[in-house]
């Protein structure tokens, strides 16, 4: 059985709490939201699988994936989110990279800025059937020819991830 122990925070040893610091330090925001998410780049026969993000009054195509749940690792989150948004069980082939995005408070519905940390994997479909997410932030999953992606209304993450994938893919893999 665990006992409740009163812990006193040592002074000067840890970073200040949100209550102890101002919202800016030399003009740079110190109070902001952070989100860690994991996504999959799934390319098959020259087509990429995308999810249609439709939430908070915004609609764009994005990679299948999403935020980590508390205590969840990025690989598990990527597999879970891809299944929820597309109906496919996937195998993560390799880590393509990590991307950051920063959104100032003025560009969000909330009063704080946002730092998004995005882990991007190459994934391969193991099983399942294409299906749309029910009651989530995406409402459709669809395959698109890679050469049609520039004409889509999409989030920047799609372009970042395709670029990562192309830089690490040998030419014959794209045709698979």
N, C-alpha and C. Protein backbone atom coordinates (compact mmCIF):
# COMPACT_ATOMS: atom_id res chain seq x y z
N UNK A 1 0.85 -1.17 0.00
CA UNK A 1 0.00 0.00 0.00
C UNK A 1 0.89 1.24 0.00
N UNK A 2 0.53 2.22 -0.81
CA UNK A 2 1.31 3.46 -0.89
C UNK A 2 0.78 4.46 0.11
N UNK A 3 1.70 5.16 0.76
CA UNK A 3 1.30 6.23 1.67
C UNK A 3 1.44 7.56 0.96
N UNK A 4 0.58 8.49 1.29
CA UNK A 4 0.68 9.83 0.77
C UNK A 4 1.78 10.56 1.52
N UNK A 5 2.73 11.10 0.78
CA UNK A 5 3.86 11.80 1.38
C UNK A 5 3.83 13.24 0.89
N UNK A 6 3.96 14.16 1.79
CA UNK A 6 4.03 15.58 1.42
C UNK A 6 5.43 15.86 0.89
N UNK A 7 5.52 16.36 -0.29
CA UNK A 7 6.82 16.64 -0.91
C UNK A 7 6.97 18.13 -1.05
N UNK A 8 8.10 18.64 -0.61
CA UNK A 8 8.39 20.07 -0.78
C UNK A 8 9.37 20.22 -1.92
N UNK A 9 9.03 21.09 -2.82
CA UNK A 9 9.85 21.33 -4.00
C UNK A 9 11.12 22.07 -3.61
N UNK A 10 12.31 21.50 -3.88
CA UNK A 10 13.55 22.20 -3.54
C UNK A 10 13.68 23.49 -4.34
N UNK A 11 14.07 24.54 -3.73
CA UNK A 11 14.22 25.84 -4.41
C UNK A 11 15.49 25.83 -5.26
N UNK A 12 15.37 26.36 -6.48
CA UNK A 12 16.52 26.54 -7.35
C UNK A 12 16.98 25.30 -8.09
N UNK A 13 16.38 24.14 -7.83
CA UNK A 13 16.84 22.93 -8.48
C UNK A 13 16.00 22.54 -9.70
N UNK A 14 14.77 22.98 -9.74
CA UNK A 14 13.88 22.63 -10.83
C UNK A 14 13.43 23.88 -11.56
N UNK A 15 12.97 23.69 -12.78
CA UNK A 15 12.44 24.82 -13.54
C UNK A 15 11.23 25.38 -12.81
N UNK A 16 10.97 26.66 -12.95
CA UNK A 16 9.82 27.24 -12.26
C UNK A 16 8.51 26.63 -12.74
N UNK A 17 7.54 26.58 -11.86
CA UNK A 17 6.22 26.10 -12.23
C UNK A 17 5.54 27.17 -13.07
N UNK A 18 4.42 26.81 -13.71
CA UNK A 18 3.69 27.79 -14.50
C UNK A 18 3.27 28.98 -13.67
N UNK A 19 2.95 28.72 -12.38
CA UNK A 19 2.51 29.82 -11.51
C UNK A 19 3.67 30.75 -11.15
N UNK A 20 4.88 30.24 -11.17
CA UNK A 20 6.05 31.03 -10.76
C UNK A 20 6.67 31.85 -11.89
N UNK A 21 6.33 31.55 -13.11
CA UNK A 21 6.96 32.29 -14.20
C UNK A 21 5.94 33.15 -14.92
N UNK A 22 6.45 34.15 -15.59
CA UNK A 22 5.57 35.00 -16.38
C UNK A 22 5.28 34.28 -17.69
N UNK A 23 4.38 34.81 -18.49
CA UNK A 23 4.03 34.18 -19.75
C UNK A 23 5.09 34.41 -20.83
N UNK A 24 6.01 35.33 -20.62
CA UNK A 24 7.05 35.55 -21.60
C UNK A 24 8.39 35.76 -20.91
N UNK A 25 9.43 35.39 -21.60
CA UNK A 25 10.79 35.61 -21.15
C UNK A 25 11.51 36.24 -22.33
N UNK A 26 11.90 37.50 -22.17
CA UNK A 26 12.54 38.26 -23.25
C UNK A 26 11.69 38.23 -24.53
N UNK A 27 10.37 38.32 -24.37
CA UNK A 27 9.46 38.37 -25.50
C UNK A 27 9.08 37.03 -26.09
N UNK A 28 9.63 35.95 -25.57
CA UNK A 28 9.32 34.61 -26.09
C UNK A 28 8.32 33.96 -25.15
N UNK A 29 7.22 33.41 -25.69
CA UNK A 29 6.21 32.78 -24.83
C UNK A 29 6.81 31.63 -24.01
N UNK A 30 6.47 31.59 -22.75
CA UNK A 30 6.89 30.47 -21.89
C UNK A 30 5.70 29.60 -21.51
N UNK A 31 4.50 30.13 -21.62
CA UNK A 31 3.30 29.36 -21.31
C UNK A 31 2.63 28.99 -22.64
N UNK A 32 2.68 27.71 -22.98
CA UNK A 32 2.09 27.25 -24.23
C UNK A 32 1.69 25.79 -24.08
N UNK A 33 0.83 25.34 -24.97
CA UNK A 33 0.40 23.95 -24.99
C UNK A 33 1.39 23.14 -25.83
N UNK A 34 1.64 21.91 -25.42
CA UNK A 34 2.51 21.01 -26.16
C UNK A 34 1.73 19.75 -26.49
N UNK A 35 1.89 19.28 -27.71
CA UNK A 35 1.21 18.05 -28.15
C UNK A 35 2.22 17.18 -28.88
N UNK A 36 2.32 15.94 -28.47
CA UNK A 36 3.15 14.96 -29.16
C UNK A 36 2.20 14.05 -29.94
N UNK A 37 2.50 13.86 -31.21
CA UNK A 37 1.64 13.04 -32.06
C UNK A 37 2.50 12.13 -32.94
N UNK A 38 1.90 11.08 -33.47
CA UNK A 38 2.60 10.14 -34.34
C UNK A 38 1.73 9.84 -35.56
N UNK A 39 2.37 9.76 -36.72
CA UNK A 39 1.67 9.62 -37.99
C UNK A 39 2.31 8.56 -38.86
N UNK A 40 1.57 8.08 -39.85
CA UNK A 40 2.10 7.11 -40.79
C UNK A 40 2.01 7.59 -42.23
N UNK A 41 3.10 7.42 -42.96
CA UNK A 41 3.11 7.63 -44.41
C UNK A 41 2.91 6.25 -45.02
N UNK A 42 1.77 6.07 -45.68
CA UNK A 42 1.41 4.78 -46.26
C UNK A 42 1.25 4.98 -47.76
N UNK A 43 2.21 4.46 -48.52
CA UNK A 43 2.20 4.59 -49.98
C UNK A 43 2.13 3.19 -50.57
N UNK A 44 1.20 3.03 -51.52
CA UNK A 44 1.00 1.74 -52.19
C UNK A 44 0.63 2.01 -53.64
N UNK A 45 1.34 1.40 -54.54
CA UNK A 45 1.06 1.53 -55.99
C UNK A 45 0.96 2.98 -56.42
N UNK A 46 1.88 3.80 -55.93
CA UNK A 46 1.92 5.20 -56.33
C UNK A 46 0.85 6.08 -55.70
N UNK A 47 0.13 5.54 -54.72
CA UNK A 47 -0.91 6.32 -54.03
C UNK A 47 -0.59 6.42 -52.55
N UNK A 48 -1.01 7.53 -51.95
CA UNK A 48 -0.81 7.75 -50.52
C UNK A 48 -2.17 7.77 -49.82
N UNK A 49 -2.20 7.21 -48.64
CA UNK A 49 -3.43 7.18 -47.85
C UNK A 49 -3.47 8.42 -46.96
N UNK A 50 -4.54 9.20 -47.09
CA UNK A 50 -4.72 10.40 -46.27
C UNK A 50 -6.05 10.34 -45.53
N UNK A 51 -6.13 11.10 -44.47
CA UNK A 51 -7.36 11.21 -43.67
C UNK A 51 -7.86 12.65 -43.78
N UNK A 52 -9.16 12.80 -43.87
CA UNK A 52 -9.75 14.14 -43.97
C UNK A 52 -10.07 14.66 -42.58
N UNK A 53 -9.29 15.66 -42.16
CA UNK A 53 -9.46 16.26 -40.84
C UNK A 53 -10.61 17.26 -40.93
N UNK A 54 -11.59 17.12 -40.06
CA UNK A 54 -12.78 17.96 -40.10
C UNK A 54 -13.20 18.26 -38.66
N UNK A 55 -12.53 19.24 -38.06
CA UNK A 55 -12.80 19.56 -36.66
C UNK A 55 -12.54 21.03 -36.40
N UNK A 56 -13.22 21.55 -35.40
CA UNK A 56 -13.01 22.93 -34.94
C UNK A 56 -13.19 23.94 -36.07
N UNK A 57 -14.08 23.66 -37.01
CA UNK A 57 -14.36 24.58 -38.10
C UNK A 57 -13.31 24.59 -39.19
N UNK A 58 -12.40 23.62 -39.19
CA UNK A 58 -11.35 23.54 -40.19
C UNK A 58 -11.42 22.18 -40.88
N UNK A 59 -11.15 22.18 -42.18
CA UNK A 59 -11.16 20.94 -42.93
C UNK A 59 -9.96 20.91 -43.87
N UNK A 60 -9.17 19.85 -43.80
CA UNK A 60 -7.99 19.64 -44.64
C UNK A 60 -7.66 18.16 -44.67
N UNK A 61 -6.91 17.75 -45.69
CA UNK A 61 -6.37 16.40 -45.72
C UNK A 61 -5.10 16.37 -44.90
N UNK A 62 -4.90 15.27 -44.19
CA UNK A 62 -3.72 15.09 -43.34
C UNK A 62 -3.28 13.64 -43.40
N UNK A 63 -2.16 13.36 -42.75
CA UNK A 63 -1.72 11.98 -42.61
C UNK A 63 -2.58 11.29 -41.57
N UNK A 64 -2.82 9.99 -41.71
CA UNK A 64 -3.48 9.28 -40.62
C UNK A 64 -2.53 9.23 -39.42
N UNK A 65 -3.06 9.52 -38.27
CA UNK A 65 -2.28 9.54 -37.04
C UNK A 65 -2.89 10.53 -36.08
N UNK A 66 -2.19 10.76 -34.97
CA UNK A 66 -2.72 11.71 -34.01
C UNK A 66 -1.98 11.68 -32.70
N UNK A 67 -2.56 12.34 -31.72
CA UNK A 67 -1.92 12.55 -30.43
C UNK A 67 -1.75 11.30 -29.60
N UNK A 68 -0.66 11.29 -28.85
CA UNK A 68 -0.39 10.21 -27.91
C UNK A 68 -1.32 10.34 -26.71
N UNK A 69 -1.77 9.21 -26.22
CA UNK A 69 -2.49 9.18 -24.95
C UNK A 69 -1.46 9.13 -23.84
N UNK A 70 -1.84 9.52 -22.64
CA UNK A 70 -0.91 9.54 -21.52
C UNK A 70 -0.27 8.17 -21.33
N UNK A 71 1.06 8.12 -21.30
CA UNK A 71 1.80 6.89 -21.08
C UNK A 71 2.01 6.04 -22.33
N UNK A 72 1.51 6.48 -23.47
CA UNK A 72 1.60 5.72 -24.71
C UNK A 72 2.87 6.11 -25.48
N UNK A 73 3.53 5.14 -26.09
CA UNK A 73 4.71 5.46 -26.88
C UNK A 73 4.28 5.83 -28.30
N UNK A 74 5.14 6.55 -29.06
CA UNK A 74 4.74 7.01 -30.39
C UNK A 74 4.37 5.89 -31.36
N UNK A 75 5.09 4.78 -31.35
CA UNK A 75 4.78 3.70 -32.29
C UNK A 75 3.39 3.12 -32.03
N UNK A 76 3.07 2.91 -30.78
CA UNK A 76 1.74 2.39 -30.42
C UNK A 76 0.66 3.39 -30.81
N UNK A 77 0.92 4.66 -30.56
CA UNK A 77 -0.05 5.70 -30.92
C UNK A 77 -0.28 5.75 -32.43
N UNK A 78 0.80 5.65 -33.21
CA UNK A 78 0.65 5.68 -34.66
C UNK A 78 -0.22 4.52 -35.13
N UNK A 79 0.07 3.31 -34.67
CA UNK A 79 -0.74 2.15 -35.07
C UNK A 79 -2.20 2.30 -34.65
N UNK A 80 -2.44 2.77 -33.42
CA UNK A 80 -3.81 2.94 -32.93
C UNK A 80 -4.56 3.98 -33.75
N UNK A 81 -3.93 5.14 -33.95
CA UNK A 81 -4.59 6.23 -34.68
C UNK A 81 -4.85 5.86 -36.15
N UNK A 82 -3.90 5.19 -36.78
CA UNK A 82 -4.10 4.78 -38.17
C UNK A 82 -5.29 3.82 -38.27
N UNK A 83 -5.38 2.88 -37.34
CA UNK A 83 -6.52 1.95 -37.32
C UNK A 83 -7.83 2.71 -37.13
N UNK A 84 -7.86 3.63 -36.16
CA UNK A 84 -9.09 4.39 -35.89
C UNK A 84 -9.53 5.21 -37.10
N UNK A 85 -8.56 5.81 -37.81
CA UNK A 85 -8.90 6.75 -38.89
C UNK A 85 -9.06 6.10 -40.25
N UNK A 86 -8.50 4.89 -40.44
CA UNK A 86 -8.54 4.28 -41.78
C UNK A 86 -9.11 2.87 -41.83
N UNK A 87 -9.18 2.18 -40.70
CA UNK A 87 -9.62 0.79 -40.69
C UNK A 87 -8.51 -0.21 -40.93
N UNK A 88 -7.27 0.26 -41.13
CA UNK A 88 -6.15 -0.62 -41.44
C UNK A 88 -5.27 -0.87 -40.22
N UNK A 89 -4.88 -2.14 -40.04
CA UNK A 89 -3.82 -2.50 -39.10
C UNK A 89 -2.52 -2.35 -39.89
N UNK A 90 -1.52 -1.70 -39.29
CA UNK A 90 -0.27 -1.46 -40.02
C UNK A 90 0.93 -1.97 -39.26
N UNK A 91 1.99 -2.17 -40.01
CA UNK A 91 3.32 -2.45 -39.49
C UNK A 91 4.15 -1.20 -39.75
N UNK A 92 4.82 -0.70 -38.75
CA UNK A 92 5.68 0.47 -38.93
C UNK A 92 7.03 -0.02 -39.46
N UNK A 93 7.37 0.41 -40.66
CA UNK A 93 8.58 -0.04 -41.33
C UNK A 93 9.83 0.66 -40.81
N UNK A 94 9.74 1.97 -40.62
CA UNK A 94 10.89 2.74 -40.16
C UNK A 94 10.46 4.14 -39.73
N UNK A 95 11.28 4.73 -38.92
CA UNK A 95 11.08 6.12 -38.53
C UNK A 95 11.61 7.00 -39.65
N UNK A 96 10.74 7.85 -40.19
CA UNK A 96 11.17 8.77 -41.24
C UNK A 96 11.78 10.04 -40.66
N UNK A 97 11.24 10.50 -39.54
CA UNK A 97 11.77 11.71 -38.94
C UNK A 97 10.82 12.31 -37.93
N UNK A 98 11.22 13.44 -37.43
CA UNK A 98 10.44 14.18 -36.45
C UNK A 98 10.31 15.61 -36.95
N UNK A 99 9.14 16.17 -36.80
CA UNK A 99 8.87 17.53 -37.26
C UNK A 99 8.26 18.33 -36.11
N UNK A 100 8.52 19.63 -36.11
CA UNK A 100 7.93 20.54 -35.13
C UNK A 100 7.07 21.56 -35.85
N UNK A 101 6.04 21.99 -35.19
CA UNK A 101 5.22 23.09 -35.70
C UNK A 101 4.88 23.99 -34.53
N UNK A 102 4.88 25.27 -34.78
CA UNK A 102 4.59 26.26 -33.74
C UNK A 102 3.44 27.14 -34.20
N UNK A 103 2.46 27.32 -33.32
CA UNK A 103 1.29 28.14 -33.65
C UNK A 103 1.13 29.19 -32.56
N UNK A 104 1.26 30.47 -32.91
CA UNK A 104 1.08 31.51 -31.89
C UNK A 104 -0.36 31.57 -31.40
N UNK A 105 -0.53 32.11 -30.23
CA UNK A 105 -1.86 32.18 -29.61
C UNK A 105 -2.89 32.83 -30.53
N UNK A 106 -2.51 33.82 -31.28
CA UNK A 106 -3.43 34.53 -32.16
C UNK A 106 -3.97 33.69 -33.30
N UNK A 107 -3.33 32.57 -33.60
CA UNK A 107 -3.78 31.71 -34.69
C UNK A 107 -4.55 30.49 -34.17
N UNK A 108 -4.88 30.51 -32.88
CA UNK A 108 -5.60 29.40 -32.26
C UNK A 108 -6.86 29.92 -31.60
N UNK A 109 -7.76 29.00 -31.29
CA UNK A 109 -8.97 29.38 -30.57
C UNK A 109 -8.66 29.60 -29.09
N UNK A 110 -7.53 29.05 -28.63
CA UNK A 110 -7.14 29.21 -27.23
C UNK A 110 -6.22 30.41 -27.09
N UNK A 111 -6.04 30.86 -25.85
CA UNK A 111 -5.25 32.05 -25.60
C UNK A 111 -3.75 31.76 -25.51
N UNK A 112 -3.37 30.49 -25.57
CA UNK A 112 -1.96 30.14 -25.46
C UNK A 112 -1.44 29.62 -26.80
N UNK A 113 -0.15 29.77 -27.01
CA UNK A 113 0.48 29.21 -28.20
C UNK A 113 0.51 27.70 -28.13
N UNK A 114 0.94 27.09 -29.21
CA UNK A 114 0.92 25.63 -29.31
C UNK A 114 2.21 25.16 -29.99
N UNK A 115 2.87 24.17 -29.38
CA UNK A 115 4.05 23.53 -29.97
C UNK A 115 3.69 22.08 -30.23
N UNK A 116 3.73 21.71 -31.49
CA UNK A 116 3.39 20.35 -31.90
C UNK A 116 4.66 19.61 -32.28
N UNK A 117 4.87 18.45 -31.68
CA UNK A 117 6.03 17.59 -31.91
C UNK A 117 5.50 16.35 -32.60
N UNK A 118 5.89 16.12 -33.88
CA UNK A 118 5.26 15.08 -34.70
C UNK A 118 6.27 14.02 -35.13
N UNK A 119 6.01 12.79 -34.73
CA UNK A 119 6.85 11.64 -35.06
C UNK A 119 6.24 10.98 -36.29
N UNK A 120 7.05 10.81 -37.34
CA UNK A 120 6.52 10.34 -38.62
C UNK A 120 7.19 9.03 -39.02
N UNK A 121 6.35 8.01 -39.23
CA UNK A 121 6.82 6.69 -39.61
C UNK A 121 6.40 6.36 -41.03
N UNK A 122 7.15 5.48 -41.67
CA UNK A 122 6.66 4.82 -42.88
C UNK A 122 5.92 3.58 -42.40
N UNK A 123 4.75 3.35 -42.94
CA UNK A 123 3.94 2.21 -42.50
C UNK A 123 3.49 1.39 -43.70
N UNK A 124 3.22 0.12 -43.44
CA UNK A 124 2.73 -0.82 -44.44
C UNK A 124 1.47 -1.47 -43.90
N UNK A 125 0.47 -1.64 -44.75
CA UNK A 125 -0.78 -2.26 -44.33
C UNK A 125 -0.59 -3.75 -44.14
N UNK A 126 -1.01 -4.24 -42.97
CA UNK A 126 -0.98 -5.68 -42.67
C UNK A 126 -2.33 -6.32 -42.94
N UNK A 127 -3.40 -5.64 -42.51
CA UNK A 127 -4.74 -6.20 -42.67
C UNK A 127 -5.76 -5.09 -42.49
N UNK A 128 -7.01 -5.44 -42.68
CA UNK A 128 -8.10 -4.49 -42.51
C UNK A 128 -8.69 -4.05 -43.82
N UNK A 129 -9.73 -3.26 -43.72
CA UNK A 129 -10.42 -2.71 -44.89
C UNK A 129 -10.58 -1.22 -44.69
N UNK A 130 -10.47 -0.47 -45.78
CA UNK A 130 -10.61 0.97 -45.71
C UNK A 130 -11.95 1.34 -45.08
N UNK A 131 -11.91 2.15 -44.03
CA UNK A 131 -13.12 2.57 -43.33
C UNK A 131 -12.92 3.98 -42.81
N UNK A 132 -14.01 4.70 -42.69
CA UNK A 132 -13.95 6.07 -42.16
C UNK A 132 -14.14 6.07 -40.65
N UNK A 133 -13.46 6.98 -39.98
CA UNK A 133 -13.59 7.10 -38.53
C UNK A 133 -14.98 7.61 -38.17
N UNK A 134 -15.53 7.05 -37.14
CA UNK A 134 -16.83 7.50 -36.63
C UNK A 134 -16.59 8.31 -35.36
N UNK A 135 -17.20 9.47 -35.27
CA UNK A 135 -17.16 10.30 -34.06
C UNK A 135 -15.75 10.73 -33.67
N UNK A 136 -14.93 11.07 -34.64
CA UNK A 136 -13.57 11.53 -34.36
C UNK A 136 -13.31 12.85 -35.05
N UNK A 137 -12.05 13.23 -35.13
CA UNK A 137 -11.68 14.49 -35.79
C UNK A 137 -11.49 14.31 -37.29
N UNK A 138 -11.48 13.05 -37.77
CA UNK A 138 -11.45 12.82 -39.21
C UNK A 138 -12.77 12.17 -39.62
N UNK A 139 -13.16 12.42 -40.87
CA UNK A 139 -14.44 11.87 -41.33
C UNK A 139 -14.34 11.04 -42.60
N UNK A 140 -13.12 10.93 -43.16
CA UNK A 140 -12.95 10.14 -44.37
C UNK A 140 -11.48 9.74 -44.51
N UNK A 141 -11.25 8.55 -45.01
CA UNK A 141 -9.92 8.08 -45.39
C UNK A 141 -9.97 7.75 -46.87
N UNK A 142 -8.92 8.17 -47.60
CA UNK A 142 -8.96 7.97 -49.05
C UNK A 142 -7.54 7.87 -49.61
N UNK A 143 -7.41 7.05 -50.65
CA UNK A 143 -6.15 6.94 -51.39
C UNK A 143 -6.11 8.02 -52.47
N UNK A 144 -4.93 8.66 -52.61
CA UNK A 144 -4.72 9.67 -53.65
C UNK A 144 -3.44 9.36 -54.41
N UNK A 145 -3.45 9.51 -55.75
CA UNK A 145 -2.19 9.41 -56.48
C UNK A 145 -1.22 10.49 -55.94
N UNK A 146 0.04 10.12 -55.77
CA UNK A 146 1.01 11.07 -55.23
C UNK A 146 1.07 12.36 -56.03
N UNK A 147 0.90 12.27 -57.35
CA UNK A 147 1.00 13.49 -58.16
C UNK A 147 -0.23 14.39 -58.03
N UNK A 148 -1.30 13.93 -57.39
CA UNK A 148 -2.48 14.77 -57.16
C UNK A 148 -2.44 15.51 -55.82
N UNK A 149 -1.52 15.12 -54.93
CA UNK A 149 -1.47 15.72 -53.60
C UNK A 149 -1.27 17.24 -53.64
N UNK A 150 -0.41 17.79 -54.53
CA UNK A 150 -0.26 19.25 -54.54
C UNK A 150 -1.55 20.03 -54.80
N UNK A 151 -2.54 19.41 -55.41
CA UNK A 151 -3.81 20.08 -55.68
C UNK A 151 -4.83 19.96 -54.56
N UNK A 152 -4.51 19.24 -53.50
CA UNK A 152 -5.44 19.04 -52.39
C UNK A 152 -5.32 20.16 -51.36
N UNK A 153 -6.42 20.44 -50.68
CA UNK A 153 -6.38 21.29 -49.49
C UNK A 153 -5.83 20.40 -48.39
N UNK A 154 -4.63 20.69 -47.91
CA UNK A 154 -3.94 19.80 -46.99
C UNK A 154 -3.15 20.59 -45.96
N UNK A 155 -2.83 19.92 -44.88
CA UNK A 155 -1.98 20.53 -43.87
C UNK A 155 -0.52 20.39 -44.32
N UNK A 156 0.33 21.26 -43.82
CA UNK A 156 1.75 21.26 -44.21
C UNK A 156 2.43 19.94 -43.87
N UNK A 157 1.97 19.26 -42.84
CA UNK A 157 2.55 17.99 -42.44
C UNK A 157 2.58 16.99 -43.59
N UNK A 158 1.59 17.01 -44.45
CA UNK A 158 1.56 16.08 -45.59
C UNK A 158 2.79 16.29 -46.47
N UNK A 159 3.09 17.53 -46.80
CA UNK A 159 4.24 17.83 -47.65
C UNK A 159 5.55 17.49 -46.96
N UNK A 160 5.65 17.82 -45.68
CA UNK A 160 6.86 17.51 -44.90
C UNK A 160 7.11 16.01 -44.89
N UNK A 161 6.06 15.23 -44.63
CA UNK A 161 6.20 13.77 -44.53
C UNK A 161 6.51 13.14 -45.89
N UNK A 162 5.87 13.59 -46.95
CA UNK A 162 6.17 13.05 -48.28
C UNK A 162 7.61 13.35 -48.64
N UNK A 163 8.09 14.54 -48.32
CA UNK A 163 9.49 14.89 -48.58
C UNK A 163 10.43 13.97 -47.80
N UNK A 164 10.13 13.71 -46.53
CA UNK A 164 10.95 12.78 -45.73
C UNK A 164 10.95 11.40 -46.38
N UNK A 165 9.78 10.94 -46.79
CA UNK A 165 9.65 9.62 -47.40
C UNK A 165 10.43 9.53 -48.71
N UNK A 166 10.31 10.55 -49.55
CA UNK A 166 11.01 10.53 -50.85
C UNK A 166 12.52 10.55 -50.68
N UNK A 167 13.01 11.28 -49.70
CA UNK A 167 14.45 11.35 -49.47
C UNK A 167 15.02 10.02 -48.99
N UNK A 168 14.19 9.16 -48.42
CA UNK A 168 14.67 7.90 -47.86
C UNK A 168 14.22 6.67 -48.64
N UNK A 169 13.52 6.86 -49.74
CA UNK A 169 12.96 5.75 -50.50
C UNK A 169 13.73 5.58 -51.81
N UNK A 170 14.13 4.37 -52.10
CA UNK A 170 14.76 4.10 -53.38
C UNK A 170 13.66 4.06 -54.45
N UNK A 171 13.96 4.44 -55.67
CA UNK A 171 12.91 4.59 -56.71
C UNK A 171 11.98 3.40 -56.87
N UNK A 172 12.45 2.16 -56.79
CA UNK A 172 11.57 1.02 -57.04
C UNK A 172 10.52 0.84 -55.95
N UNK A 173 10.74 1.35 -54.73
CA UNK A 173 9.76 1.19 -53.65
C UNK A 173 8.50 2.01 -53.90
N UNK A 174 8.64 3.15 -54.56
CA UNK A 174 7.48 4.01 -54.78
C UNK A 174 6.45 3.32 -55.67
N UNK A 175 6.87 2.44 -56.55
CA UNK A 175 5.95 1.77 -57.47
C UNK A 175 5.27 0.56 -56.84
N UNK A 176 5.69 0.14 -55.67
CA UNK A 176 5.13 -1.05 -55.04
C UNK A 176 3.70 -0.82 -54.61
